[in-house]
Amino acid sequence: MDTPQQLTSAPFMARKWYSVAEVADQLGYGLSKTKLLIATGQIRSLKDGGHRRVLPEWVDEYIARRVDEACA
């Protein structure tokens, strides 16, 4: 049987992908705007079963593009 020490010392596992709602929250956007950005391909996503998922690096790519556009 595991002791409490063993249970709490498990390594933290980073998120592999985000839901559309999580991306909206991270960006400070509404859900509708985030869905539109995904539908138009501005934020990359994949379909997993009945849900859209976004990899963390795809959120970073979107942010980098927006920064580049603002600086241009």
PDB file of N, CA and C in Angstrom:
ATOM      1  N   MET A   1       0.838  -1.188   0.000  1.00  0.00           N
ATOM      2  CA  MET A   1       0.000   0.000   0.000  1.00  0.00           C
ATOM      3  C   MET A   1       0.881   1.248   0.000  1.00  0.00           C
ATOM      4  N   ASP A   2       0.479   2.256  -0.783  1.00  0.00           N
ATOM      5  CA  ASP A   2       1.250   3.489  -0.877  1.00  0.00           C
ATOM      6  C   ASP A   2       1.046   4.341   0.364  1.00  0.00           C
ATOM      7  N   THR A   3       2.120   4.968   0.794  1.00  0.00           N
ATOM      8  CA  THR A   3       2.014   5.908   1.904  1.00  0.00           C
ATOM      9  C   THR A   3       1.618   7.264   1.336  1.00  0.00           C
ATOM     10  N   PRO A   4       1.109   8.168   2.183  1.00  0.00           N
ATOM     11  CA  PRO A   4       0.758   9.506   1.679  1.00  0.00           C
ATOM     12  C   PRO A   4       1.942  10.205   1.007  1.00  0.00           C
ATOM     13  N   GLN A   5       3.148   9.993   1.523  1.00  0.00           N
ATOM     14  CA  GLN A   5       4.355  10.583   0.924  1.00  0.00           C
ATOM     15  C   GLN A   5       4.519  10.111  -0.519  1.00  0.00           C
ATOM     16  N   GLN A   6       4.316   8.825  -0.767  1.00  0.00           N
ATOM     17  CA  GLN A   6       4.473   8.286  -2.109  1.00  0.00           C
ATOM     18  C   GLN A   6       3.403   8.819  -3.057  1.00  0.00           C
ATOM     19  N   LEU A   7       2.211   9.012  -2.570  1.00  0.00           N
ATOM     20  CA  LEU A   7       1.120   9.493  -3.424  1.00  0.00           C
ATOM     21  C   LEU A   7       1.334  10.936  -3.838  1.00  0.00           C
ATOM     22  N   THR A   8       1.876  11.760  -2.972  1.00  0.00           N
ATOM     23  CA  THR A   8       2.047  13.176  -3.286  1.00  0.00           C
ATOM     24  C   THR A   8       3.343  13.466  -4.023  1.00  0.00           C
ATOM     25  N   SER A   9       4.258  12.509  -4.083  1.00  0.00           N
ATOM     26  CA  SER A   9       5.523  12.769  -4.749  1.00  0.00           C
ATOM     27  C   SER A   9       5.511  12.346  -6.222  1.00  0.00           C
ATOM     28  N   ALA A  10       4.353  12.000  -6.734  1.00  0.00           N
ATOM     29  CA  ALA A  10       4.250  11.640  -8.149  1.00  0.00           C
ATOM     30  C   ALA A  10       4.588  12.853  -9.004  1.00  0.00           C
ATOM     31  N   PRO A  11       5.285  12.646 -10.125  1.00  0.00           N
ATOM     32  CA  PRO A  11       5.665  13.781 -10.974  1.00  0.00           C
ATOM     33  C   PRO A  11       4.436  14.455 -11.578  1.00  0.00           C
ATOM     34  N   PHE A  12       4.517  15.783 -11.713  1.00  0.00           N
ATOM     35  CA  PHE A  12       3.443  16.547 -12.336  1.00  0.00           C
ATOM     36  C   PHE A  12       3.468  16.293 -13.830  1.00  0.00           C
ATOM     37  N   MET A  13       2.303  16.028 -14.388  1.00  0.00           N
ATOM     38  CA  MET A  13       2.214  15.784 -15.817  1.00  0.00           C
ATOM     39  C   MET A  13       1.615  17.014 -16.498  1.00  0.00           C
ATOM     40  N   ALA A  14       2.357  17.596 -17.416  1.00  0.00           N
ATOM     41  CA  ALA A  14       1.893  18.787 -18.125  1.00  0.00           C
ATOM     42  C   ALA A  14       0.732  18.424 -19.039  1.00  0.00           C
ATOM     43  N   ARG A  15      -0.155  19.408 -19.246  1.00  0.00           N
ATOM     44  CA  ARG A  15      -1.291  19.197 -20.147  1.00  0.00           C
ATOM     45  C   ARG A  15      -0.792  18.967 -21.558  1.00  0.00           C
ATOM     46  N   LYS A  16      -1.402  18.024 -22.229  1.00  0.00           N
ATOM     47  CA  LYS A  16      -1.030  17.722 -23.607  1.00  0.00           C
ATOM     48  C   LYS A  16      -1.828  18.555 -24.591  1.00  0.00           C
ATOM     49  N   TRP A  17      -3.061  18.906 -24.209  1.00  0.00           N
ATOM     50  CA  TRP A  17      -3.894  19.739 -25.071  1.00  0.00           C
ATOM     51  C   TRP A  17      -4.968  20.404 -24.234  1.00  0.00           C
ATOM     52  N   TYR A  18      -5.607  21.398 -24.852  1.00  0.00           N
ATOM     53  CA  TYR A  18      -6.639  22.187 -24.177  1.00  0.00           C
ATOM     54  C   TYR A  18      -7.969  22.061 -24.899  1.00  0.00           C
ATOM     55  N   SER A  19      -9.042  22.249 -24.152  1.00  0.00           N
ATOM     56  CA  SER A  19     -10.363  22.358 -24.760  1.00  0.00           C
ATOM     57  C   SER A  19     -10.503  23.773 -25.322  1.00  0.00           C
ATOM     58  N   VAL A  20     -11.508  23.981 -26.141  1.00  0.00           N
ATOM     59  CA  VAL A  20     -11.757  25.314 -26.701  1.00  0.00           C
ATOM     60  C   VAL A  20     -12.046  26.313 -25.580  1.00  0.00           C
ATOM     61  N   ALA A  21     -12.797  25.892 -24.576  1.00  0.00           N
ATOM     62  CA  ALA A  21     -13.112  26.782 -23.445  1.00  0.00           C
ATOM     63  C   ALA A  21     -11.849  27.166 -22.681  1.00  0.00           C
ATOM     64  N   GLU A  22     -10.916  26.233 -22.528  1.00  0.00           N
ATOM     65  CA  GLU A  22      -9.663  26.542 -21.830  1.00  0.00           C
ATOM     66  C   GLU A  22      -8.822  27.534 -22.627  1.00  0.00           C
ATOM     67  N   VAL A  23      -8.807  27.385 -23.944  1.00  0.00           N
ATOM     68  CA  VAL A  23      -8.074  28.319 -24.798  1.00  0.00           C
ATOM     69  C   VAL A  23      -8.702  29.711 -24.692  1.00  0.00           C
ATOM     70  N   ALA A  24     -10.021  29.781 -24.745  1.00  0.00           N
ATOM     71  CA  ALA A  24     -10.711  31.064 -24.616  1.00  0.00           C
ATOM     72  C   ALA A  24     -10.334  31.738 -23.303  1.00  0.00           C
ATOM     73  N   ASP A  25     -10.325  30.977 -22.237  1.00  0.00           N
ATOM     74  CA  ASP A  25      -9.980  31.522 -20.918  1.00  0.00           C
ATOM     75  C   ASP A  25      -8.536  32.012 -20.897  1.00  0.00           C
ATOM     76  N   GLN A  26      -7.627  31.241 -21.459  1.00  0.00           N
ATOM     77  CA  GLN A  26      -6.211  31.632 -21.481  1.00  0.00           C
ATOM     78  C   GLN A  26      -5.987  32.925 -22.251  1.00  0.00           C
ATOM     79  N   LEU A  27      -6.709  33.079 -23.352  1.00  0.00           N
ATOM     80  CA  LEU A  27      -6.532  34.255 -24.198  1.00  0.00           C
ATOM     81  C   LEU A  27      -7.357  35.449 -23.731  1.00  0.00           C
ATOM     82  N   GLY A  28      -8.281  35.209 -22.825  1.00  0.00           N
ATOM     83  CA  GLY A  28      -9.160  36.286 -22.375  1.00  0.00           C
ATOM     84  C   GLY A  28     -10.226  36.615 -23.397  1.00  0.00           C
ATOM     85  N   TYR A  29     -10.546  35.667 -24.268  1.00  0.00           N
ATOM     86  CA  TYR A  29     -11.555  35.839 -25.302  1.00  0.00           C
ATOM     87  C   TYR A  29     -12.829  35.114 -24.882  1.00  0.00           C
ATOM     88  N   GLY A  30     -13.928  35.477 -25.513  1.00  0.00           N
ATOM     89  CA  GLY A  30     -15.164  34.751 -25.322  1.00  0.00           C
ATOM     90  C   GLY A  30     -15.132  33.439 -26.087  1.00  0.00           C
ATOM     91  N   LEU A  31     -16.005  32.545 -25.713  1.00  0.00           N
ATOM     92  CA  LEU A  31     -16.068  31.239 -26.360  1.00  0.00           C
ATOM     93  C   LEU A  31     -16.420  31.368 -27.840  1.00  0.00           C
ATOM     94  N   SER A  32     -17.347  32.256 -28.172  1.00  0.00           N
ATOM     95  CA  SER A  32     -17.742  32.437 -29.579  1.00  0.00           C
ATOM     96  C   SER A  32     -16.578  32.914 -30.437  1.00  0.00           C
ATOM     97  N   LYS A  33     -15.824  33.888 -29.939  1.00  0.00           N
ATOM     98  CA  LYS A  33     -14.674  34.397 -30.697  1.00  0.00           C
ATOM     99  C   LYS A  33     -13.639  33.298 -30.879  1.00  0.00           C
ATOM    100  N   THR A  34     -13.391  32.522 -29.840  1.00  0.00           N
ATOM    101  CA  THR A  34     -12.399  31.453 -29.920  1.00  0.00           C
ATOM    102  C   THR A  34     -12.842  30.387 -30.922  1.00  0.00           C
ATOM    103  N   LYS A  35     -14.118  30.038 -30.911  1.00  0.00           N
ATOM    104  CA  LYS A  35     -14.635  29.071 -31.884  1.00  0.00           C
ATOM    105  C   LYS A  35     -14.488  29.607 -33.300  1.00  0.00           C
ATOM    106  N   LEU A  36     -14.709  30.893 -33.503  1.00  0.00           N
ATOM    107  CA  LEU A  36     -14.545  31.504 -34.822  1.00  0.00           C
ATOM    108  C   LEU A  36     -13.090  31.453 -35.264  1.00  0.00           C
ATOM    109  N   LEU A  37     -12.162  31.757 -34.360  1.00  0.00           N
ATOM    110  CA  LEU A  37     -10.741  31.699 -34.687  1.00  0.00           C
ATOM    111  C   LEU A  37     -10.334  30.281 -35.080  1.00  0.00           C
ATOM    112  N   ILE A  38     -10.901  29.290 -34.419  1.00  0.00           N
ATOM    113  CA  ILE A  38     -10.616  27.892 -34.753  1.00  0.00           C
ATOM    114  C   ILE A  38     -11.261  27.523 -36.088  1.00  0.00           C
ATOM    115  N   ALA A  39     -12.506  27.925 -36.291  1.00  0.00           N
ATOM    116  CA  ALA A  39     -13.218  27.593 -37.534  1.00  0.00           C
ATOM    117  C   ALA A  39     -12.539  28.196 -38.758  1.00  0.00           C
ATOM    118  N   THR A  40     -11.937  29.373 -38.606  1.00  0.00           N
ATOM    119  CA  THR A  40     -11.265  30.036 -39.724  1.00  0.00           C
ATOM    120  C   THR A  40      -9.798  29.632 -39.851  1.00  0.00           C
ATOM    121  N   GLY A  41      -9.333  28.756 -38.955  1.00  0.00           N
ATOM    122  CA  GLY A  41      -7.963  28.262 -39.031  1.00  0.00           C
ATOM    123  C   GLY A  41      -6.919  29.174 -38.427  1.00  0.00           C
ATOM    124  N   GLN A  42      -7.342  30.252 -37.782  1.00  0.00           N
ATOM    125  CA  GLN A  42      -6.371  31.149 -37.159  1.00  0.00           C
ATOM    126  C   GLN A  42      -5.722  30.511 -35.939  1.00  0.00           C
ATOM    127  N   ILE A  43      -6.478  29.637 -35.276  1.00  0.00           N
ATOM    128  CA  ILE A  43      -5.927  28.796 -34.213  1.00  0.00           C
ATOM    129  C   ILE A  43      -6.107  27.361 -34.676  1.00  0.00           C
ATOM    130  N   ARG A  44      -5.008  26.633 -34.769  1.00  0.00           N
ATOM    131  CA  ARG A  44      -5.077  25.238 -35.209  1.00  0.00           C
ATOM    132  C   ARG A  44      -5.745  24.387 -34.139  1.00  0.00           C
ATOM    133  N   SER A  45      -6.413  23.329 -34.590  1.00  0.00           N
ATOM    134  CA  SER A  45      -7.066  22.407 -33.659  1.00  0.00           C
ATOM    135  C   SER A  45      -7.196  21.046 -34.326  1.00  0.00           C
ATOM    136  N   LEU A  46      -7.575  20.069 -33.528  1.00  0.00           N
ATOM    137  CA  LEU A  46      -7.882  18.750 -34.060  1.00  0.00           C
ATOM    138  C   LEU A  46      -9.164  18.256 -33.413  1.00  0.00           C
ATOM    139  N   LYS A  47      -9.802  17.343 -34.097  1.00  0.00           N
ATOM    140  CA  LYS A  47     -11.050  16.778 -33.603  1.00  0.00           C
ATOM    141  C   LYS A  47     -10.721  15.480 -32.871  1.00  0.00           C
ATOM    142  N   ASP A  48     -11.130  15.390 -31.620  1.00  0.00           N
ATOM    143  CA  ASP A  48     -10.925  14.191 -30.815  1.00  0.00           C
ATOM    144  C   ASP A  48     -12.290  13.710 -30.362  1.00  0.00           C
ATOM    145  N   GLY A  49     -12.799  12.709 -31.053  1.00  0.00           N
ATOM    146  CA  GLY A  49     -14.171  12.293 -30.768  1.00  0.00           C
ATOM    147  C   GLY A  49     -15.109  13.414 -31.159  1.00  0.00           C
ATOM    148  N   GLY A  50     -15.921  13.862 -30.236  1.00  0.00           N
ATOM    149  CA  GLY A  50     -16.852  14.945 -30.518  1.00  0.00           C
ATOM    150  C   GLY A  50     -16.356  16.310 -30.072  1.00  0.00           C
ATOM    151  N   HIS A  51     -15.081  16.413 -29.742  1.00  0.00           N
ATOM    152  CA  HIS A  51     -14.554  17.657 -29.182  1.00  0.00           C
ATOM    153  C   HIS A  51     -13.364  18.162 -29.964  1.00  0.00           C
ATOM    154  N   ARG A  52     -13.198  19.472 -29.972  1.00  0.00           N
ATOM    155  CA  ARG A  52     -12.024  20.111 -30.560  1.00  0.00           C
ATOM    156  C   ARG A  52     -10.974  20.221 -29.472  1.00  0.00           C
ATOM    157  N   ARG A  53      -9.744  19.993 -29.828  1.00  0.00           N
ATOM    158  CA  ARG A  53      -8.620  20.101 -28.905  1.00  0.00           C
ATOM    159  C   ARG A  53      -7.535  20.954 -29.551  1.00  0.00           C
ATOM    160  N   VAL A  54      -6.819  21.691 -28.721  1.00  0.00           N
ATOM    161  CA  VAL A  54      -5.780  22.591 -29.193  1.00  0.00           C
ATOM    162  C   VAL A  54      -4.495  22.284 -28.423  1.00  0.00           C
ATOM    163  N   LEU A  55      -3.432  22.032 -29.150  1.00  0.00           N
ATOM    164  CA  LEU A  55      -2.143  21.798 -28.503  1.00  0.00           C
ATOM    165  C   LEU A  55      -1.601  23.113 -27.951  1.00  0.00           C
ATOM    166  N   PRO A  56      -0.894  23.069 -26.829  1.00  0.00           N
ATOM    167  CA  PRO A  56      -0.345  24.307 -26.255  1.00  0.00           C
ATOM    168  C   PRO A  56       0.509  25.108 -27.239  1.00  0.00           C
ATOM    169  N   GLU A  57       1.303  24.408 -28.069  1.00  0.00           N
ATOM    170  CA  GLU A  57       2.144  25.143 -29.012  1.00  0.00           C
ATOM    171  C   GLU A  57       1.327  25.867 -30.073  1.00  0.00           C
ATOM    172  N   TRP A  58       0.119  25.378 -30.371  1.00  0.00           N
ATOM    173  CA  TRP A  58      -0.725  26.068 -31.333  1.00  0.00           C
ATOM    174  C   TRP A  58      -1.271  27.372 -30.756  1.00  0.00           C
ATOM    175  N   VAL A  59      -1.517  27.397 -29.464  1.00  0.00           N
ATOM    176  CA  VAL A  59      -1.908  28.655 -28.803  1.00  0.00           C
ATOM    177  C   VAL A  59      -0.733  29.625 -28.872  1.00  0.00           C
ATOM    178  N   ASP A  60       0.471  29.127 -28.590  1.00  0.00           N
ATOM    179  CA  ASP A  60       1.673  29.963 -28.649  1.00  0.00           C
ATOM    180  C   ASP A  60       1.898  30.510 -30.058  1.00  0.00           C
ATOM    181  N   GLU A  61       1.665  29.680 -31.083  1.00  0.00           N
ATOM    182  CA  GLU A  61       1.812  30.130 -32.470  1.00  0.00           C
ATOM    183  C   GLU A  61       0.850  31.275 -32.779  1.00  0.00           C
ATOM    184  N   TYR A  62      -0.389  31.143 -32.338  1.00  0.00           N
ATOM    185  CA  TYR A  62      -1.380  32.189 -32.567  1.00  0.00           C
ATOM    186  C   TYR A  62      -0.942  33.498 -31.904  1.00  0.00           C
ATOM    187  N   ILE A  63      -0.494  33.401 -30.665  1.00  0.00           N
ATOM    188  CA  ILE A  63      -0.050  34.593 -29.935  1.00  0.00           C
ATOM    189  C   ILE A  63       1.145  35.233 -30.646  1.00  0.00           C
ATOM    190  N   ALA A  64       2.104  34.423 -31.081  1.00  0.00           N
ATOM    191  CA  ALA A  64       3.285  34.955 -31.779  1.00  0.00           C
ATOM    192  C   ALA A  64       2.886  35.672 -33.063  1.00  0.00           C
ATOM    193  N   ARG A  65       1.939  35.107 -33.823  1.00  0.00           N
ATOM    194  CA  ARG A  65       1.464  35.767 -35.042  1.00  0.00           C
ATOM    195  C   ARG A  65       0.815  37.100 -34.721  1.00  0.00           C
ATOM    196  N   ARG A  66       0.010  37.135 -33.675  1.00  0.00           N
ATOM    197  CA  ARG A  66      -0.667  38.390 -33.295  1.00  0.00           C
ATOM    198  C   ARG A  66       0.367  39.446 -32.895  1.00  0.00           C
ATOM    199  N   VAL A  67       1.398  39.049 -32.185  1.00  0.00           N
ATOM    200  CA  VAL A  67       2.447  39.988 -31.787  1.00  0.00           C
ATOM    201  C   VAL A  67       3.184  40.490 -33.022  1.00  0.00           C
ATOM    202  N   ASP A  68       3.531  39.574 -33.937  1.00  0.00           N
ATOM    203  CA  ASP A  68       4.211  39.977 -35.169  1.00  0.00           C
ATOM    204  C   ASP A  68       3.363  40.970 -35.967  1.00  0.00           C
ATOM    205  N   GLU A  69       2.056  40.710 -36.051  1.00  0.00           N
ATOM    206  CA  GLU A  69       1.152  41.612 -36.776  1.00  0.00           C
ATOM    207  C   GLU A  69       1.099  42.982 -36.119  1.00  0.00           C
ATOM    208  N   ALA A  70       1.108  43.007 -34.813  1.00  0.00           N
ATOM    209  CA  ALA A  70       1.030  44.281 -34.079  1.00  0.00           C
ATOM    210  C   ALA A  70       2.323  45.082 -34.230  1.00  0.00           C
ATOM    211  N   CYS A  71       3.437  44.382 -34.375  1.00  0.00           N
ATOM    212  CA  CYS A  71       4.742  45.056 -34.484  1.00  0.00           C
ATOM    213  C   CYS A  71       5.076  45.449 -35.907  1.00  0.00           C
ATOM    214  N   ALA A  72       4.343  44.924 -36.877  1.00  0.00           N
ATOM    215  CA  ALA A  72       4.654  45.192 -38.293  1.00  0.00           C
ATOM    216  C   ALA A  72       4.212  46.560 -38.729  1.00  0.00           C
TER     217      ALA A  72
END
